[in-house]
Each structure stands twice: as structure tokens, then as C-alpha cells.
């Protein structure tokens, strides 16, 4: 008898603000993918409101991506900023931000 398990899946709601639900094993991560500083500000405000009583002990995951510097004179700026708080994630596309 074969048992199927889903390790990873993404639900894209096709909304202009880039809301997705990412499922990893049994954890569901509410994810915002955006290039808009307005949506980034809204996400931070929402996180602040949700975790207000625990802000002094809040753990935040951080990752930054950039194009590699293949030559000594290359100096590429960061392209993507990722923040994780609990089961919420922000992916800010810096390279496309306005």
C-alpha cells in the first residue's frame, strides 16, 4: 500500500499583493511576495500588531539574495529581502521595487 505525502506545495491566490500559502510538511506559511514598499509597511504593521506583547522577545529570520560578483569590479546590490516571523514570511523583491 503506497502512502502519498506532500512535502511542499504553494497556493497562489493570484491577488495583486502577492499572497501565497506555502505548505511544508504540515506547516502552512502565509507568504507575501511583493515589490511594493507600501505592502512591506503593511506586513510589518500586521506583524507588530499580532506580536505586540512579545516584541521584546520576537525571533525574526532574515535572508538576503543578490547576483554573484563574478569579477573584482562587480558590485551588485541586494535583489531580494526575506523576513520570517512565526508562520508568516515576507519576500521583498528589492530589484523591482518602486
N, C-alpha and C. Protein backbone atom coordinates (compact mmCIF):
# COMPACT_ATOMS: atom_id res chain seq x y z
N UNK A 1 0.85 -1.18 0.00
CA UNK A 1 0.00 0.00 0.00
C UNK A 1 0.90 1.25 0.00
N UNK A 2 0.72 2.10 -0.96
CA UNK A 2 1.51 3.33 -1.07
C UNK A 2 0.82 4.46 -0.32
N UNK A 3 1.61 5.20 0.41
CA UNK A 3 1.09 6.38 1.12
C UNK A 3 1.70 7.61 0.48
N UNK A 4 0.85 8.48 -0.01
CA UNK A 4 1.34 9.72 -0.62
C UNK A 4 1.43 10.80 0.43
N UNK A 5 2.54 11.51 0.41
CA UNK A 5 2.69 12.64 1.32
C UNK A 5 3.12 13.85 0.50
N UNK A 6 2.62 14.99 0.88
CA UNK A 6 3.02 16.24 0.24
C UNK A 6 4.03 16.91 1.15
N UNK A 7 5.24 17.05 0.64
CA UNK A 7 6.29 17.69 1.42
C UNK A 7 6.21 19.20 1.26
N UNK A 8 5.86 19.64 0.05
CA UNK A 8 5.93 21.06 -0.25
C UNK A 8 4.86 21.41 -1.27
N UNK A 9 4.09 22.45 -1.02
CA UNK A 9 3.13 22.94 -2.01
C UNK A 9 2.92 24.43 -1.82
N UNK A 10 2.47 25.09 -2.91
CA UNK A 10 2.23 26.53 -2.87
C UNK A 10 0.85 26.80 -3.46
N UNK A 11 0.09 27.62 -2.76
CA UNK A 11 -1.19 28.10 -3.28
C UNK A 11 -1.01 29.58 -3.58
N UNK A 12 -1.17 29.94 -4.85
CA UNK A 12 -1.07 31.33 -5.29
C UNK A 12 -2.48 31.86 -5.47
N UNK A 13 -2.86 32.86 -4.71
CA UNK A 13 -4.22 33.40 -4.76
C UNK A 13 -4.43 34.37 -5.92
N UNK A 14 -3.41 34.61 -6.72
CA UNK A 14 -3.50 35.48 -7.89
C UNK A 14 -4.03 36.88 -7.53
N UNK A 15 -3.62 37.36 -6.38
CA UNK A 15 -4.00 38.70 -5.94
C UNK A 15 -2.89 39.68 -6.25
N UNK A 16 -3.21 40.95 -6.45
CA UNK A 16 -2.18 41.93 -6.79
C UNK A 16 -1.13 42.11 -5.70
N UNK A 17 -1.46 41.78 -4.46
CA UNK A 17 -0.48 41.96 -3.39
C UNK A 17 0.39 40.73 -3.18
N UNK A 18 0.28 39.68 -4.01
CA UNK A 18 1.20 38.56 -3.98
C UNK A 18 1.09 37.64 -2.78
N UNK A 19 -0.13 37.38 -2.32
CA UNK A 19 -0.34 36.50 -1.18
C UNK A 19 -0.30 35.03 -1.63
N UNK A 20 0.47 34.23 -0.88
CA UNK A 20 0.58 32.80 -1.14
C UNK A 20 0.50 32.05 0.19
N UNK A 21 0.08 30.82 0.13
CA UNK A 21 0.22 29.92 1.28
C UNK A 21 1.17 28.82 0.86
N UNK A 22 2.24 28.68 1.61
CA UNK A 22 3.24 27.66 1.34
C UNK A 22 3.08 26.59 2.42
N UNK A 23 2.90 25.36 1.99
CA UNK A 23 2.80 24.25 2.93
C UNK A 23 4.09 23.45 2.87
N UNK A 24 4.69 23.27 4.03
CA UNK A 24 5.91 22.47 4.15
C UNK A 24 5.63 21.41 5.21
N UNK A 25 5.52 20.15 4.76
CA UNK A 25 5.02 19.06 5.59
C UNK A 25 3.66 19.48 6.13
N UNK A 26 3.51 19.67 7.42
CA UNK A 26 2.20 20.04 7.97
C UNK A 26 2.12 21.52 8.33
N UNK A 27 3.19 22.26 8.15
CA UNK A 27 3.20 23.68 8.48
C UNK A 27 2.76 24.52 7.29
N UNK A 28 1.86 25.45 7.53
CA UNK A 28 1.42 26.37 6.50
C UNK A 28 1.99 27.76 6.79
N UNK A 29 2.67 28.32 5.79
CA UNK A 29 3.34 29.61 5.95
C UNK A 29 2.65 30.63 5.07
N UNK A 30 2.07 31.64 5.69
CA UNK A 30 1.38 32.72 4.99
C UNK A 30 2.46 33.65 4.44
N UNK A 31 2.55 33.76 3.12
CA UNK A 31 3.68 34.43 2.47
C UNK A 31 3.22 35.59 1.60
N UNK A 32 3.91 36.71 1.72
CA UNK A 32 3.69 37.87 0.86
C UNK A 32 4.92 38.05 -0.01
N UNK A 33 4.73 38.02 -1.33
CA UNK A 33 5.80 38.30 -2.29
C UNK A 33 5.44 39.62 -2.95
N UNK A 34 6.29 40.63 -2.79
CA UNK A 34 5.94 41.95 -3.30
C UNK A 34 7.19 42.76 -3.68
N UNK A 35 6.95 43.76 -4.49
CA UNK A 35 7.98 44.75 -4.79
C UNK A 35 7.55 46.13 -4.30
N UNK A 36 6.41 46.18 -3.64
CA UNK A 36 5.81 47.44 -3.19
C UNK A 36 6.20 47.77 -1.75
N UNK A 37 6.87 48.91 -1.52
CA UNK A 37 7.17 49.32 -0.15
C UNK A 37 5.90 49.50 0.70
N UNK A 38 4.79 49.86 0.07
CA UNK A 38 3.52 50.01 0.79
C UNK A 38 3.11 48.68 1.42
N UNK A 39 3.18 47.58 0.64
CA UNK A 39 2.79 46.27 1.16
C UNK A 39 3.79 45.78 2.21
N UNK A 40 5.06 46.15 2.07
CA UNK A 40 6.06 45.80 3.08
C UNK A 40 5.71 46.49 4.40
N UNK A 41 5.39 47.77 4.33
CA UNK A 41 5.00 48.52 5.52
C UNK A 41 3.75 47.91 6.17
N UNK A 42 2.78 47.53 5.35
CA UNK A 42 1.56 46.91 5.87
C UNK A 42 1.88 45.58 6.56
N UNK A 43 2.77 44.79 5.95
CA UNK A 43 3.15 43.49 6.52
C UNK A 43 3.81 43.70 7.88
N UNK A 44 4.73 44.66 7.96
CA UNK A 44 5.42 44.94 9.23
C UNK A 44 4.43 45.42 10.28
N UNK A 45 3.48 46.26 9.90
CA UNK A 45 2.45 46.73 10.84
C UNK A 45 1.60 45.57 11.34
N UNK A 46 1.26 44.66 10.45
CA UNK A 46 0.46 43.49 10.83
C UNK A 46 1.24 42.60 11.81
N UNK A 47 2.50 42.35 11.52
CA UNK A 47 3.34 41.54 12.40
C UNK A 47 3.46 42.20 13.77
N UNK A 48 3.67 43.52 13.77
CA UNK A 48 3.78 44.27 15.02
C UNK A 48 2.50 44.15 15.84
N UNK A 49 1.35 44.26 15.18
CA UNK A 49 0.07 44.16 15.88
C UNK A 49 -0.16 42.75 16.43
N UNK A 50 0.16 41.74 15.63
CA UNK A 50 -0.06 40.35 16.05
C UNK A 50 0.83 40.00 17.25
N UNK A 51 2.09 40.42 17.21
CA UNK A 51 3.07 40.00 18.21
C UNK A 51 3.39 41.10 19.22
N UNK A 52 2.53 42.11 19.32
CA UNK A 52 2.81 43.26 20.18
C UNK A 52 3.26 42.90 21.60
N UNK A 53 2.57 41.98 22.29
CA UNK A 53 3.00 41.69 23.67
C UNK A 53 4.38 41.04 23.75
N UNK A 54 4.86 40.46 22.65
CA UNK A 54 6.12 39.72 22.69
C UNK A 54 7.23 40.38 21.86
N UNK A 55 7.05 41.63 21.47
CA UNK A 55 8.03 42.27 20.58
C UNK A 55 9.45 42.26 21.16
N UNK A 56 9.58 42.34 22.45
CA UNK A 56 10.92 42.36 23.06
C UNK A 56 11.60 40.99 23.00
N UNK A 57 10.84 39.92 22.68
CA UNK A 57 11.42 38.58 22.58
C UNK A 57 11.18 37.95 21.21
N UNK A 58 10.80 38.73 20.25
CA UNK A 58 10.43 38.22 18.93
C UNK A 58 11.66 37.72 18.16
N UNK A 59 11.55 36.54 17.59
CA UNK A 59 12.63 35.99 16.76
C UNK A 59 12.26 36.21 15.31
N UNK A 60 13.19 36.81 14.57
CA UNK A 60 12.96 37.13 13.16
C UNK A 60 14.05 36.45 12.34
N UNK A 61 13.62 35.70 11.31
CA UNK A 61 14.56 35.12 10.37
C UNK A 61 14.81 36.10 9.24
N UNK A 62 16.04 36.18 8.77
CA UNK A 62 16.43 37.15 7.76
C UNK A 62 17.31 36.47 6.72
N UNK A 63 17.04 36.76 5.45
CA UNK A 63 17.88 36.27 4.36
C UNK A 63 17.90 37.34 3.28
N UNK A 64 19.03 37.51 2.64
CA UNK A 64 19.17 38.46 1.53
C UNK A 64 19.83 37.73 0.37
N UNK A 65 19.33 37.97 -0.82
CA UNK A 65 19.89 37.37 -2.03
C UNK A 65 20.40 38.48 -2.94
N UNK A 66 21.44 38.18 -3.70
CA UNK A 66 21.95 39.11 -4.69
C UNK A 66 22.63 38.33 -5.79
N UNK A 67 22.81 38.98 -6.94
CA UNK A 67 23.52 38.35 -8.04
C UNK A 67 24.98 38.23 -7.65
N UNK A 68 25.62 37.16 -8.07
CA UNK A 68 27.03 36.98 -7.69
C UNK A 68 27.94 38.03 -8.34
N UNK A 69 28.97 38.36 -7.64
CA UNK A 69 30.02 39.24 -8.17
C UNK A 69 31.09 38.35 -8.79
N UNK A 70 31.04 38.20 -10.11
CA UNK A 70 31.96 37.30 -10.81
C UNK A 70 33.31 37.93 -11.13
N UNK A 71 33.36 39.23 -11.12
CA UNK A 71 34.61 39.93 -11.42
C UNK A 71 34.90 40.89 -10.27
N UNK A 72 36.16 41.23 -10.10
CA UNK A 72 36.54 42.04 -8.95
C UNK A 72 35.88 43.42 -8.95
N UNK A 73 35.48 43.91 -10.11
CA UNK A 73 34.85 45.24 -10.17
C UNK A 73 33.32 45.17 -10.11
N UNK A 74 32.75 43.96 -10.06
CA UNK A 74 31.29 43.82 -9.88
C UNK A 74 30.91 44.25 -8.47
N UNK A 75 29.78 44.91 -8.37
CA UNK A 75 29.26 45.32 -7.07
C UNK A 75 27.74 45.33 -7.15
N UNK A 76 27.15 44.14 -7.19
CA UNK A 76 25.71 44.03 -7.34
C UNK A 76 24.99 44.29 -6.02
N UNK A 77 23.92 45.04 -6.10
CA UNK A 77 23.10 45.32 -4.92
C UNK A 77 22.23 44.11 -4.58
N UNK A 78 21.71 44.10 -3.38
CA UNK A 78 20.79 43.04 -2.97
C UNK A 78 19.56 43.05 -3.87
N UNK A 79 19.06 41.87 -4.20
CA UNK A 79 17.89 41.77 -5.07
C UNK A 79 16.63 41.38 -4.31
N UNK A 80 16.78 40.60 -3.25
CA UNK A 80 15.62 40.10 -2.52
C UNK A 80 15.91 40.09 -1.02
N UNK A 81 14.93 40.55 -0.24
CA UNK A 81 14.99 40.50 1.21
C UNK A 81 13.88 39.57 1.69
N UNK A 82 14.22 38.64 2.55
CA UNK A 82 13.22 37.71 3.10
C UNK A 82 13.21 37.83 4.61
N UNK A 83 12.01 38.03 5.17
CA UNK A 83 11.83 38.08 6.61
C UNK A 83 10.82 37.01 7.01
N UNK A 84 11.11 36.33 8.12
CA UNK A 84 10.22 35.30 8.63
C UNK A 84 9.93 35.58 10.09
N UNK A 85 8.64 35.54 10.44
CA UNK A 85 8.22 35.69 11.82
C UNK A 85 7.12 34.66 12.04
N UNK A 86 7.38 33.70 12.91
CA UNK A 86 6.41 32.63 13.14
C UNK A 86 6.11 31.90 11.85
N UNK A 87 4.85 31.88 11.48
CA UNK A 87 4.44 31.23 10.23
C UNK A 87 4.05 32.27 9.18
N UNK A 88 4.71 33.41 9.23
CA UNK A 88 4.50 34.46 8.24
C UNK A 88 5.84 34.83 7.61
N UNK A 89 5.78 35.06 6.31
CA UNK A 89 7.00 35.34 5.55
C UNK A 89 6.77 36.52 4.62
N UNK A 90 7.79 37.36 4.51
CA UNK A 90 7.79 38.47 3.56
C UNK A 90 8.94 38.25 2.59
N UNK A 91 8.66 38.29 1.31
CA UNK A 91 9.69 38.26 0.29
C UNK A 91 9.57 39.58 -0.48
N UNK A 92 10.53 40.48 -0.21
CA UNK A 92 10.53 41.81 -0.80
C UNK A 92 11.50 41.80 -1.98
N UNK A 93 10.97 41.99 -3.18
CA UNK A 93 11.76 41.99 -4.40
C UNK A 93 12.38 43.37 -4.60
N UNK A 94 13.50 43.59 -3.96
CA UNK A 94 14.17 44.88 -3.99
C UNK A 94 14.53 45.33 -5.40
N UNK A 95 14.93 44.39 -6.21
CA UNK A 95 15.38 44.71 -7.57
C UNK A 95 14.26 45.33 -8.41
N UNK A 96 13.01 45.02 -8.06
CA UNK A 96 11.86 45.54 -8.82
C UNK A 96 11.09 46.61 -8.06
N UNK A 97 11.56 46.99 -6.86
CA UNK A 97 10.78 47.90 -6.03
C UNK A 97 10.70 49.29 -6.66
N UNK A 98 9.60 49.94 -6.32
CA UNK A 98 9.38 51.28 -6.89
C UNK A 98 9.32 52.31 -5.78
